[in-house]
Amino acid sequence: MSGKRFPAMIRIEIAYALRDRQSLIAMEMEEGGTVEEAIRRSGMLAEFPEIDLRRAKVGIFGRRVSLGAPVRNGDRLEIYRPLIVEPKQGRRERAQQAQRRSRRG
């Protein structure tokens, strides 16, 4: 018998969410793969053609990682959509709206 070893398989999930639609794909892949390989193999890019991996931010369990990061068994990969409003600007706008409401009331 030859000493050939087959790569171990791992189970992962890939998540992407829009305001009105979410997708969570469970899949298996070979151990030693990267975040980018997993996303490309998942079919997520076909389901959501607006995802641009050159610009998209990605993470594993809420922690930002690079596309070249290794994927481990049980990981949940997340593709983050671009922010519509920068957080500081959003807080500033909400504070201004609250001031206007308090002046009226």
N, C-alpha and C. Protein backbone atom coordinates (compact mmCIF):
# COMPACT_ATOMS: atom_id res chain seq x y z
N MET A 1 0.85 -1.17 0.00
CA MET A 1 0.00 0.00 0.00
C MET A 1 0.90 1.24 0.00
N SER A 2 0.55 2.22 -0.82
CA SER A 2 1.36 3.44 -0.89
C SER A 2 1.10 4.31 0.32
N GLY A 3 2.02 5.22 0.59
CA GLY A 3 1.91 6.10 1.73
C GLY A 3 1.16 7.39 1.41
N LYS A 4 0.34 7.36 0.35
CA LYS A 4 -0.40 8.57 -0.03
C LYS A 4 -1.39 8.97 1.04
N ARG A 5 -1.39 10.24 1.37
CA ARG A 5 -2.36 10.77 2.33
C ARG A 5 -3.27 11.75 1.62
N PHE A 6 -4.51 11.66 1.94
CA PHE A 6 -5.47 12.60 1.38
C PHE A 6 -5.64 13.76 2.36
N PRO A 7 -5.83 14.95 1.84
CA PRO A 7 -5.99 16.09 2.75
C PRO A 7 -7.24 15.92 3.60
N ALA A 8 -7.12 16.33 4.84
CA ALA A 8 -8.27 16.27 5.75
C ALA A 8 -9.29 17.31 5.29
N MET A 9 -10.55 17.00 5.49
CA MET A 9 -11.62 17.93 5.15
C MET A 9 -12.06 18.66 6.41
N ILE A 10 -12.39 19.93 6.24
CA ILE A 10 -12.90 20.73 7.35
C ILE A 10 -14.27 21.29 6.97
N ARG A 11 -15.06 21.61 7.98
CA ARG A 11 -16.39 22.21 7.77
C ARG A 11 -16.33 23.67 8.20
N ILE A 12 -16.85 24.52 7.33
CA ILE A 12 -16.88 25.95 7.61
C ILE A 12 -18.22 26.53 7.17
N GLU A 13 -18.46 27.79 7.55
CA GLU A 13 -19.63 28.52 7.09
C GLU A 13 -19.16 29.86 6.55
N ILE A 14 -19.90 30.34 5.55
CA ILE A 14 -19.60 31.65 4.98
C ILE A 14 -20.89 32.47 5.04
N ALA A 15 -20.79 33.67 5.62
CA ALA A 15 -21.97 34.52 5.82
C ALA A 15 -21.81 35.85 5.08
N TYR A 16 -22.94 36.30 4.53
CA TYR A 16 -23.02 37.62 3.91
C TYR A 16 -24.43 38.13 4.10
N ALA A 17 -24.57 39.40 4.45
CA ALA A 17 -25.91 39.93 4.71
C ALA A 17 -26.08 41.31 4.12
N LEU A 18 -27.24 41.49 3.51
CA LEU A 18 -27.69 42.80 3.08
C LEU A 18 -28.81 43.20 4.03
N ARG A 19 -29.36 44.37 3.87
CA ARG A 19 -30.44 44.79 4.77
C ARG A 19 -31.63 43.85 4.70
N ASP A 20 -31.96 43.39 3.51
CA ASP A 20 -33.18 42.60 3.34
C ASP A 20 -32.93 41.14 2.95
N ARG A 21 -31.68 40.73 2.93
CA ARG A 21 -31.37 39.36 2.48
C ARG A 21 -30.06 38.90 3.11
N GLN A 22 -30.08 37.67 3.60
CA GLN A 22 -28.88 37.09 4.20
C GLN A 22 -28.62 35.73 3.57
N SER A 23 -27.36 35.36 3.59
CA SER A 23 -26.99 34.03 3.10
C SER A 23 -25.95 33.43 4.03
N LEU A 24 -26.15 32.19 4.38
CA LEU A 24 -25.19 31.44 5.20
C LEU A 24 -24.99 30.10 4.50
N ILE A 25 -23.79 29.88 4.04
CA ILE A 25 -23.48 28.66 3.30
C ILE A 25 -22.55 27.79 4.14
N ALA A 26 -22.97 26.56 4.38
CA ALA A 26 -22.12 25.58 5.06
C ALA A 26 -21.45 24.74 3.98
N MET A 27 -20.18 24.50 4.16
CA MET A 27 -19.46 23.72 3.14
C MET A 27 -18.27 22.99 3.76
N GLU A 28 -17.74 22.07 2.99
CA GLU A 28 -16.51 21.37 3.35
C GLU A 28 -15.44 21.78 2.35
N MET A 29 -14.23 21.85 2.83
CA MET A 29 -13.09 22.08 1.94
C MET A 29 -11.86 21.42 2.54
N GLU A 30 -10.81 21.36 1.74
CA GLU A 30 -9.58 20.74 2.20
C GLU A 30 -8.91 21.61 3.26
N GLU A 31 -8.36 20.95 4.25
CA GLU A 31 -7.59 21.65 5.28
C GLU A 31 -6.42 22.36 4.61
N GLY A 32 -6.09 23.55 5.10
CA GLY A 32 -4.98 24.31 4.54
C GLY A 32 -5.41 25.36 3.54
N GLY A 33 -6.71 25.46 3.28
CA GLY A 33 -7.21 26.46 2.34
C GLY A 33 -7.26 27.84 2.97
N THR A 34 -7.46 28.85 2.13
CA THR A 34 -7.50 30.23 2.60
C THR A 34 -8.93 30.77 2.57
N VAL A 35 -9.09 31.92 3.17
CA VAL A 35 -10.38 32.60 3.18
C VAL A 35 -10.84 32.85 1.74
N GLU A 36 -9.96 33.35 0.91
CA GLU A 36 -10.33 33.63 -0.49
C GLU A 36 -10.76 32.36 -1.22
N GLU A 37 -10.01 31.28 -1.06
CA GLU A 37 -10.39 30.02 -1.71
C GLU A 37 -11.77 29.57 -1.26
N ALA A 38 -12.03 29.68 0.02
CA ALA A 38 -13.32 29.26 0.55
C ALA A 38 -14.46 30.09 -0.04
N ILE A 39 -14.27 31.40 -0.08
CA ILE A 39 -15.32 32.27 -0.63
C ILE A 39 -15.56 31.95 -2.10
N ARG A 40 -14.51 31.80 -2.86
CA ARG A 40 -14.66 31.50 -4.29
C ARG A 40 -15.35 30.16 -4.50
N ARG A 41 -15.03 29.15 -3.72
CA ARG A 41 -15.64 27.82 -3.87
C ARG A 41 -17.08 27.76 -3.38
N SER A 42 -17.46 28.69 -2.52
CA SER A 42 -18.78 28.63 -1.88
C SER A 42 -19.93 28.95 -2.82
N GLY A 43 -19.68 29.68 -3.90
CA GLY A 43 -20.75 30.13 -4.77
C GLY A 43 -21.34 31.46 -4.34
N MET A 44 -20.81 32.03 -3.27
CA MET A 44 -21.31 33.30 -2.74
C MET A 44 -21.15 34.43 -3.77
N LEU A 45 -20.06 34.42 -4.54
CA LEU A 45 -19.82 35.49 -5.51
C LEU A 45 -20.82 35.42 -6.66
N ALA A 46 -21.29 34.23 -6.99
CA ALA A 46 -22.33 34.11 -8.03
C ALA A 46 -23.68 34.56 -7.50
N GLU A 47 -23.95 34.27 -6.23
CA GLU A 47 -25.22 34.65 -5.62
C GLU A 47 -25.29 36.16 -5.39
N PHE A 48 -24.15 36.78 -5.08
CA PHE A 48 -24.08 38.21 -4.80
C PHE A 48 -23.00 38.83 -5.68
N PRO A 49 -23.29 39.09 -6.94
CA PRO A 49 -22.25 39.59 -7.85
C PRO A 49 -21.69 40.96 -7.48
N GLU A 50 -22.36 41.67 -6.57
CA GLU A 50 -21.86 42.98 -6.16
C GLU A 50 -20.65 42.87 -5.24
N ILE A 51 -20.36 41.69 -4.72
CA ILE A 51 -19.19 41.52 -3.85
C ILE A 51 -17.92 41.64 -4.70
N ASP A 52 -17.06 42.55 -4.31
CA ASP A 52 -15.78 42.75 -4.98
C ASP A 52 -14.68 42.37 -3.99
N LEU A 53 -14.12 41.19 -4.17
CA LEU A 53 -13.12 40.72 -3.21
C LEU A 53 -11.88 41.62 -3.16
N ARG A 54 -11.64 42.40 -4.20
CA ARG A 54 -10.48 43.31 -4.15
C ARG A 54 -10.70 44.41 -3.12
N ARG A 55 -11.98 44.72 -2.84
CA ARG A 55 -12.29 45.80 -1.90
C ARG A 55 -12.99 45.32 -0.63
N ALA A 56 -13.61 44.17 -0.70
CA ALA A 56 -14.40 43.70 0.44
C ALA A 56 -13.52 43.43 1.66
N LYS A 57 -14.08 43.70 2.80
CA LYS A 57 -13.43 43.36 4.06
C LYS A 57 -14.02 42.01 4.50
N VAL A 58 -13.19 41.17 5.06
CA VAL A 58 -13.63 39.85 5.48
C VAL A 58 -13.16 39.58 6.90
N GLY A 59 -13.80 38.63 7.55
CA GLY A 59 -13.42 38.29 8.91
C GLY A 59 -13.78 36.85 9.23
N ILE A 60 -13.28 36.41 10.37
CA ILE A 60 -13.63 35.10 10.91
C ILE A 60 -14.14 35.36 12.32
N PHE A 61 -15.40 35.01 12.55
CA PHE A 61 -16.06 35.25 13.84
C PHE A 61 -15.89 36.71 14.30
N GLY A 62 -16.11 37.66 13.38
CA GLY A 62 -16.09 39.07 13.75
C GLY A 62 -14.72 39.71 13.85
N ARG A 63 -13.67 38.98 13.59
CA ARG A 63 -12.31 39.52 13.64
C ARG A 63 -11.78 39.64 12.21
N ARG A 64 -11.41 40.85 11.81
CA ARG A 64 -10.93 41.07 10.44
C ARG A 64 -9.69 40.24 10.16
N VAL A 65 -9.67 39.65 8.97
CA VAL A 65 -8.52 38.88 8.50
C VAL A 65 -8.29 39.21 7.03
N SER A 66 -7.16 38.79 6.51
CA SER A 66 -6.86 38.98 5.09
C SER A 66 -7.44 37.83 4.29
N LEU A 67 -7.53 38.01 2.99
CA LEU A 67 -8.03 36.93 2.12
C LEU A 67 -7.10 35.72 2.15
N GLY A 68 -5.84 35.93 2.47
CA GLY A 68 -4.87 34.83 2.52
C GLY A 68 -4.82 34.10 3.84
N ALA A 69 -5.65 34.51 4.79
CA ALA A 69 -5.64 33.86 6.11
C ALA A 69 -6.10 32.41 5.99
N PRO A 70 -5.49 31.51 6.76
CA PRO A 70 -5.91 30.11 6.71
C PRO A 70 -7.28 29.91 7.36
N VAL A 71 -8.00 28.95 6.84
CA VAL A 71 -9.32 28.61 7.37
C VAL A 71 -9.18 27.33 8.19
N ARG A 72 -9.82 27.33 9.34
CA ARG A 72 -9.75 26.17 10.23
C ARG A 72 -11.13 25.56 10.40
N ASN A 73 -11.15 24.32 10.81
CA ASN A 73 -12.41 23.61 11.01
C ASN A 73 -13.32 24.39 11.97
N GLY A 74 -14.57 24.57 11.58
CA GLY A 74 -15.55 25.24 12.41
C GLY A 74 -15.61 26.75 12.24
N ASP A 75 -14.72 27.33 11.43
CA ASP A 75 -14.71 28.78 11.24
C ASP A 75 -15.99 29.26 10.56
N ARG A 76 -16.41 30.49 10.92
CA ARG A 76 -17.48 31.18 10.20
C ARG A 76 -16.85 32.40 9.55
N LEU A 77 -16.73 32.36 8.22
CA LEU A 77 -16.19 33.47 7.46
C LEU A 77 -17.30 34.47 7.21
N GLU A 78 -16.96 35.74 7.31
CA GLU A 78 -17.95 36.79 7.11
C GLU A 78 -17.42 37.76 6.06
N ILE A 79 -18.27 38.08 5.11
CA ILE A 79 -17.95 39.08 4.10
C ILE A 79 -18.72 40.32 4.51
N TYR A 80 -18.01 41.40 4.75
CA TYR A 80 -18.64 42.63 5.23
C TYR A 80 -18.97 43.52 4.05
N ARG A 81 -20.19 44.05 4.05
CA ARG A 81 -20.56 44.98 2.98
C ARG A 81 -20.01 46.36 3.33
N PRO A 82 -19.82 47.19 2.32
CA PRO A 82 -19.28 48.53 2.59
C PRO A 82 -20.24 49.35 3.45
N LEU A 83 -19.68 50.20 4.28
CA LEU A 83 -20.49 51.08 5.10
C LEU A 83 -21.12 52.15 4.22
N ILE A 84 -22.39 52.45 4.47
CA ILE A 84 -23.07 53.49 3.72
C ILE A 84 -22.64 54.86 4.26
N VAL A 85 -22.52 54.95 5.58
CA VAL A 85 -22.09 56.18 6.24
C VAL A 85 -20.96 55.81 7.19
N GLU A 86 -19.91 56.60 7.18
CA GLU A 86 -18.81 56.37 8.11
C GLU A 86 -19.34 56.54 9.54
N PRO A 87 -18.93 55.69 10.48
CA PRO A 87 -19.47 55.74 11.85
C PRO A 87 -19.42 57.12 12.51
N LYS A 88 -18.31 57.84 12.38
CA LYS A 88 -18.22 59.17 13.00
C LYS A 88 -19.25 60.12 12.41
N GLN A 89 -19.38 60.08 11.10
CA GLN A 89 -20.35 60.94 10.43
C GLN A 89 -21.77 60.57 10.85
N GLY A 90 -22.06 59.30 10.98
CA GLY A 90 -23.39 58.85 11.41
C GLY A 90 -23.72 59.34 12.81
N ARG A 91 -22.77 59.26 13.73
CA ARG A 91 -23.00 59.76 15.10
C ARG A 91 -23.24 61.26 15.09
N ARG A 92 -22.46 61.97 14.29
CA ARG A 92 -22.61 63.42 14.19
C ARG A 92 -24.01 63.78 13.68
N GLU A 93 -24.47 63.09 12.65
CA GLU A 93 -25.79 63.36 12.09
C GLU A 93 -26.90 63.04 13.09
N ARG A 94 -26.76 61.95 13.83
CA ARG A 94 -27.79 61.59 14.83
C ARG A 94 -27.81 62.62 15.96
N ALA A 95 -26.65 63.12 16.36
CA ALA A 95 -26.59 64.14 17.41
C ALA A 95 -27.26 65.43 16.94
N GLN A 96 -27.02 65.80 15.68
CA GLN A 96 -27.66 67.00 15.14
C GLN A 96 -29.17 66.84 15.07
N GLN A 97 -29.63 65.67 14.67
CA GLN A 97 -31.08 65.41 14.62
C GLN A 97 -31.68 65.48 16.03
N ALA A 98 -31.00 64.94 17.01
CA ALA A 98 -31.50 64.98 18.39
C ALA A 98 -31.57 66.42 18.89
N GLN A 99 -30.59 67.25 18.54
CA GLN A 99 -30.62 68.66 18.94
C GLN A 99 -31.81 69.38 18.31
N ARG A 100 -32.05 69.11 17.04
CA ARG A 100 -33.19 69.75 16.36
C ARG A 100 -34.51 69.34 17.00
N ARG A 101 -34.64 68.06 17.36
CA ARG A 101 -35.87 67.58 18.00
C ARG A 101 -36.05 68.22 19.36
N SER A 102 -34.96 68.35 20.12
CA SER A 102 -35.09 68.94 21.46
C SER A 102 -35.45 70.42 21.41
N ARG A 103 -35.02 71.11 20.37
CA ARG A 103 -35.37 72.53 20.21
C ARG A 103 -36.86 72.70 19.89
N ARG A 104 -37.40 71.74 19.13
CA ARG A 104 -38.82 71.79 18.76
C ARG A 104 -39.72 71.47 19.94
N GLY A 105 -39.27 70.54 20.77
CA GLY A 105 -40.14 70.00 21.79
C GLY A 105 -40.01 70.64 23.08
